[in-house]
Protein backbone atom coordinates (compact mmCIF):
# COMPACT_ATOMS: atom_id res chain seq x y z
CA UNK A 1 -3.24 9.89 -13.62
CA UNK A 2 -0.97 11.43 -10.83
CA UNK A 3 2.03 10.12 -9.23
CA UNK A 4 1.65 6.89 -7.09
CA UNK A 5 1.79 7.38 -3.43
CA UNK A 6 4.09 4.37 -2.45
CA UNK A 7 3.83 5.11 1.45
CA UNK A 8 0.08 4.24 1.01
CA UNK A 9 0.74 1.35 -1.24
CA UNK A 10 3.09 -0.07 1.65
CA UNK A 11 0.54 0.80 4.37
CA UNK A 12 -2.15 -0.80 2.18
CA UNK A 13 -0.17 -4.08 1.68
CA UNK A 14 -0.10 -4.29 5.54
CA UNK A 15 -3.59 -3.63 6.00
CA UNK A 16 -4.89 -6.00 3.24
CA UNK A 17 -2.52 -8.82 4.63
CA UNK A 18 -3.80 -8.39 8.04
CA UNK A 19 -7.61 -8.33 6.89
CA UNK A 20 -6.87 -11.33 4.60
CA UNK A 21 -5.48 -13.27 7.60
CA UNK A 22 -8.56 -12.22 9.64
CA UNK A 23 -10.77 -13.23 6.87
CA UNK A 24 -9.04 -16.77 6.74
CA UNK A 25 -9.15 -17.10 10.42
CA UNK A 26 -12.99 -16.36 10.43
CA UNK A 27 -13.46 -18.95 7.41
CA UNK A 28 -11.60 -21.32 9.59
CA UNK A 29 -13.88 -20.70 12.43
CA UNK A 30 -16.90 -20.97 10.18
CA UNK A 31 -15.61 -24.17 8.55
CA UNK A 32 -14.71 -25.93 11.72
CA UNK A 33 -12.59 -28.87 11.95
CA UNK A 34 -12.92 -31.63 9.25
CA UNK A 35 -12.56 -35.13 11.02
CA UNK A 36 -9.86 -37.38 9.59
CA UNK A 37 -8.02 -34.51 7.81
CA UNK A 38 -4.41 -34.21 8.56
CA UNK A 39 -3.14 -32.43 5.43
CA UNK A 40 -4.73 -29.19 4.13
CA UNK A 41 -4.66 -30.45 0.64
CA UNK A 42 -7.28 -33.23 1.81
CA UNK A 43 -9.76 -30.37 2.65
CA UNK A 44 -12.84 -30.46 0.59
CA UNK A 45 -15.24 -27.69 0.37
CA UNK A 46 -18.77 -27.40 -0.80
CA UNK A 47 -19.89 -24.80 -3.11
CA UNK A 48 -21.44 -22.84 -0.47
CA UNK A 49 -18.20 -22.88 1.65
CA UNK A 50 -16.35 -21.60 -1.37
CA UNK A 51 -18.71 -18.79 -1.80
CA UNK A 52 -18.53 -17.87 1.91
CA UNK A 53 -14.53 -17.91 1.45
CA UNK A 54 -14.75 -15.84 -1.62
CA UNK A 55 -17.17 -13.26 0.04
CA UNK A 56 -14.79 -13.06 3.10
CA UNK A 57 -11.88 -12.68 0.81
CA UNK A 58 -13.41 -9.80 -1.22
CA UNK A 59 -14.67 -7.97 1.80
CA UNK A 60 -11.25 -8.09 3.36
CA UNK A 61 -9.76 -6.31 0.19
CA UNK A 62 -12.81 -4.10 -0.03
CA UNK A 63 -12.46 -2.88 3.57
CA UNK A 64 -8.79 -2.47 3.14
CA UNK A 65 -9.24 -0.32 0.15
CA UNK A 66 -11.78 1.81 1.90
CA UNK A 67 -9.41 2.17 4.97
CA UNK A 68 -6.62 3.40 2.53
CA UNK A 69 -8.95 5.73 0.66
CA UNK A 70 -10.39 7.20 3.75
CA UNK A 71 -7.22 7.65 5.82
CA UNK A 72 -4.81 8.83 2.83
CA UNK A 73 -4.24 12.54 2.05
CA UNK A 74 -5.12 13.36 -1.59
CA UNK A 75 -6.62 11.16 -4.12
CA UNK A 76 -5.57 7.47 -3.28
CA UNK A 77 -7.84 5.16 -5.52
CA UNK A 78 -5.44 2.98 -7.66
CA UNK A 79 -3.10 2.53 -4.65
CA UNK A 80 -5.48 0.09 -2.79
CA UNK A 81 -5.67 -2.04 -5.82
CA UNK A 82 -2.01 -2.19 -6.28
CA UNK A 83 -1.63 -3.15 -2.55
CA UNK A 84 -4.22 -5.74 -2.82
CA UNK A 85 -2.22 -7.28 -5.92
CA UNK A 86 1.15 -7.09 -3.83
CA UNK A 87 -0.38 -8.76 -0.94
CA UNK A 88 -1.71 -11.71 -3.19
CA UNK A 89 1.90 -12.01 -4.57
CA UNK A 90 3.43 -12.27 -1.18
CA UNK A 91 0.88 -14.82 -0.22
CA UNK A 92 1.56 -16.95 -3.46
CA UNK A 93 5.21 -16.62 -3.01
CA UNK A 94 5.02 -17.58 0.79
CA UNK A 95 2.77 -20.76 -0.38
CA UNK A 96 5.09 -21.61 -3.00
CA UNK A 97 2.71 -21.48 -5.73
CA UNK A 98 3.65 -18.27 -7.49
CA UNK A 99 3.10 -17.94 -11.33
CA UNK A 100 1.95 -15.22 -13.54
CA UNK A 101 -1.04 -17.15 -14.35
CA UNK A 102 -1.91 -17.66 -10.74
CA UNK A 103 -1.11 -14.13 -9.76
CA UNK A 104 -3.57 -12.88 -12.29
CA UNK A 105 -6.22 -15.05 -11.51
CA UNK A 106 -5.96 -14.83 -7.81
CA UNK A 107 -5.06 -11.12 -7.72
CA UNK A 108 -7.68 -9.76 -10.35
CA UNK A 109 -10.58 -9.77 -7.86
CA UNK A 110 -8.63 -8.45 -4.99
CA UNK A 111 -7.27 -5.66 -7.30
CA UNK A 112 -10.79 -4.69 -8.33
CA UNK A 113 -12.19 -4.86 -4.72
CA UNK A 114 -9.24 -2.72 -3.38
CA UNK A 115 -9.79 0.01 -6.21
CA UNK A 116 -13.61 -0.01 -5.40
CA UNK A 117 -12.92 0.33 -1.67
CA UNK A 118 -10.39 3.05 -2.32
CA UNK A 119 -13.05 4.82 -4.29
CA UNK A 120 -15.60 4.51 -1.54
CA UNK A 121 -13.03 5.58 1.01
CA UNK A 122 -12.33 8.68 -1.09
CA UNK A 123 -15.87 9.37 -1.51
CA UNK A 124 -16.42 9.36 2.15
CA UNK A 125 -13.49 11.48 2.68
CA UNK A 126 -14.97 13.89 0.21
CA UNK A 127 -11.81 14.16 -2.27
CA UNK A 128 -13.60 12.50 -5.13
CA UNK A 129 -17.03 12.57 -6.68
């Protein structure tokens, strides 16, 4: 494994955070208002709604990884995964719910989606097989 490109990790964090917020916004639009709910902890999601939320989240990190892999110079595959994990870390800290277990459980799928997106972006760019 080569040297990590910290510039693209930083850019990736910004891209992933922006796409994550966009996914949350789209999910909020899809969900619509829930009558009588005044506190976010009162929101109840059906299995289908959770699946839509998870799909939007995975797509955000996959697309973010793809963008980083496509636009970065050289071979940048692991960097989008690290960017996704850092974006999740920032979100967990901002929400006040950070723990190592939370980071692992909430960050694993975004990390994998970021790496997969990075690989797809590099393939599209033509720098990896």
